């Protein structure tokens, strides 16, 4: 089973409080990277990769973690809804691919 992890609103609220960010402040994708990696390292199926997504509602970064002897992770490029090309379709496409990867194992 591949585990998918999405940062919850509660987690985002905790990070906003920790880093003294107002509710309207632009949430840093970099600040969320540490938290999502901690969640992903706690995966109960270390033989399978973990996938995650960090978002601040206008930008998206996808994360993949493989737990080898030394865990390794990879980050996608930043997909932005504010760019002239509106990359929402790319984001949805990636989410569908992750969904199809985990669907057989559910």
Protein backbone atom coordinates (compact mmCIF):
# COMPACT_ATOMS: atom_id res chain seq x y z
CA UNK A 1 0.00 0.00 0.00
CA UNK A 2 1.30 3.48 -0.88
CA UNK A 3 0.51 6.05 1.75
CA UNK A 4 -0.73 9.47 0.65
CA UNK A 5 -0.29 12.36 3.05
CA UNK A 6 -1.92 15.76 2.70
CA UNK A 7 -1.30 18.55 5.21
CA UNK A 8 -4.55 19.19 7.07
CA UNK A 9 -5.98 22.56 8.01
CA UNK A 10 -5.21 21.76 11.67
CA UNK A 11 -1.56 21.17 10.81
CA UNK A 12 -1.44 24.39 8.81
CA UNK A 13 -2.95 26.28 11.75
CA UNK A 14 -0.26 24.86 14.07
CA UNK A 15 2.48 25.93 11.65
CA UNK A 16 0.98 29.41 11.29
CA UNK A 17 0.99 29.73 15.08
CA UNK A 18 4.53 28.37 15.42
CA UNK A 19 5.95 30.75 12.82
CA UNK A 20 3.73 33.70 13.87
CA UNK A 21 1.97 33.88 10.51
CA UNK A 22 -1.36 35.63 10.28
CA UNK A 23 -4.32 33.87 8.73
CA UNK A 24 -3.96 36.04 5.62
CA UNK A 25 -0.18 35.70 5.32
CA UNK A 26 1.18 33.70 2.41
CA UNK A 27 1.99 30.28 3.81
CA UNK A 28 5.53 29.18 3.05
CA UNK A 29 5.82 25.90 1.18
CA UNK A 30 9.31 25.56 2.62
CA UNK A 31 8.05 25.70 6.21
CA UNK A 32 5.63 22.83 5.51
CA UNK A 33 8.36 20.61 4.03
CA UNK A 34 9.73 19.68 7.45
CA UNK A 35 6.33 18.70 8.80
CA UNK A 36 5.28 16.61 5.81
CA UNK A 37 8.60 14.73 5.84
CA UNK A 38 8.09 13.95 9.53
CA UNK A 39 4.64 12.53 8.77
CA UNK A 40 5.99 10.56 5.83
CA UNK A 41 8.85 9.09 7.88
CA UNK A 42 6.22 7.68 10.25
CA UNK A 43 4.78 5.56 7.40
CA UNK A 44 3.84 2.10 8.70
CA UNK A 45 4.81 0.52 5.37
CA UNK A 46 8.49 1.42 4.95
CA UNK A 47 8.89 -0.99 2.03
CA UNK A 48 6.67 1.24 -0.11
CA UNK A 49 7.18 4.88 -1.08
CA UNK A 50 5.11 7.65 0.50
CA UNK A 51 3.61 10.49 -1.50
CA UNK A 52 2.59 13.89 -0.21
CA UNK A 53 1.46 17.29 -1.36
CA UNK A 54 2.18 20.71 0.13
CA UNK A 55 -0.11 23.58 -0.82
CA UNK A 56 -0.89 27.12 0.20
CA UNK A 57 -3.99 27.09 -2.06
CA UNK A 58 -2.26 28.85 -4.97
CA UNK A 59 0.98 26.85 -5.19
CA UNK A 60 1.56 23.10 -5.02
CA UNK A 61 4.64 20.93 -4.44
CA UNK A 62 4.57 17.14 -4.56
CA UNK A 63 6.83 15.04 -2.32
CA UNK A 64 7.97 11.43 -2.63
CA UNK A 65 9.81 9.64 0.17
CA UNK A 66 11.53 6.27 -0.13
CA UNK A 67 12.64 4.71 3.15
CA UNK A 68 15.92 3.00 2.40
CA UNK A 69 18.68 2.56 4.97
CA UNK A 70 19.03 6.33 4.62
CA UNK A 71 15.62 7.80 3.71
CA UNK A 72 15.58 9.84 0.50
CA UNK A 73 12.99 12.28 -0.74
CA UNK A 74 12.33 14.22 -3.91
CA UNK A 75 10.36 17.41 -4.48
CA UNK A 76 8.54 18.38 -7.64
CA UNK A 77 8.80 21.83 -9.07
CA UNK A 78 6.31 24.39 -7.76
CA UNK A 79 3.03 24.36 -9.67
CA UNK A 80 1.23 27.71 -9.49
CA UNK A 81 -2.36 28.64 -10.15
CA UNK A 82 -1.25 32.25 -10.48
CA UNK A 83 1.01 31.68 -13.48
CA UNK A 84 -0.26 32.72 -16.91
CA UNK A 85 -0.70 29.06 -17.87
CA UNK A 86 -2.75 28.19 -14.73
CA UNK A 87 -1.22 24.83 -13.86
CA UNK A 88 -4.35 23.43 -12.20
CA UNK A 89 -4.68 20.80 -14.93
CA UNK A 90 -1.12 19.60 -14.21
CA UNK A 91 -1.90 19.35 -10.49
CA UNK A 92 -5.10 17.38 -11.13
CA UNK A 93 -3.23 15.08 -13.52
CA UNK A 94 -0.58 14.32 -10.89
CA UNK A 95 -3.24 13.68 -8.24
CA UNK A 96 -4.98 11.24 -10.60
CA UNK A 97 -1.70 9.39 -11.20
CA UNK A 98 -1.06 9.12 -7.46
CA UNK A 99 -4.65 7.96 -6.96
CA UNK A 100 -4.32 5.24 -9.58
CA UNK A 101 -1.02 4.13 -8.02
CA UNK A 102 -2.58 3.66 -4.58
CA UNK A 103 -6.04 2.43 -5.68
CA UNK A 104 -4.99 -1.21 -6.32
CA UNK A 105 -3.46 -1.43 -2.85
CA UNK A 106 -6.46 -0.08 -0.90
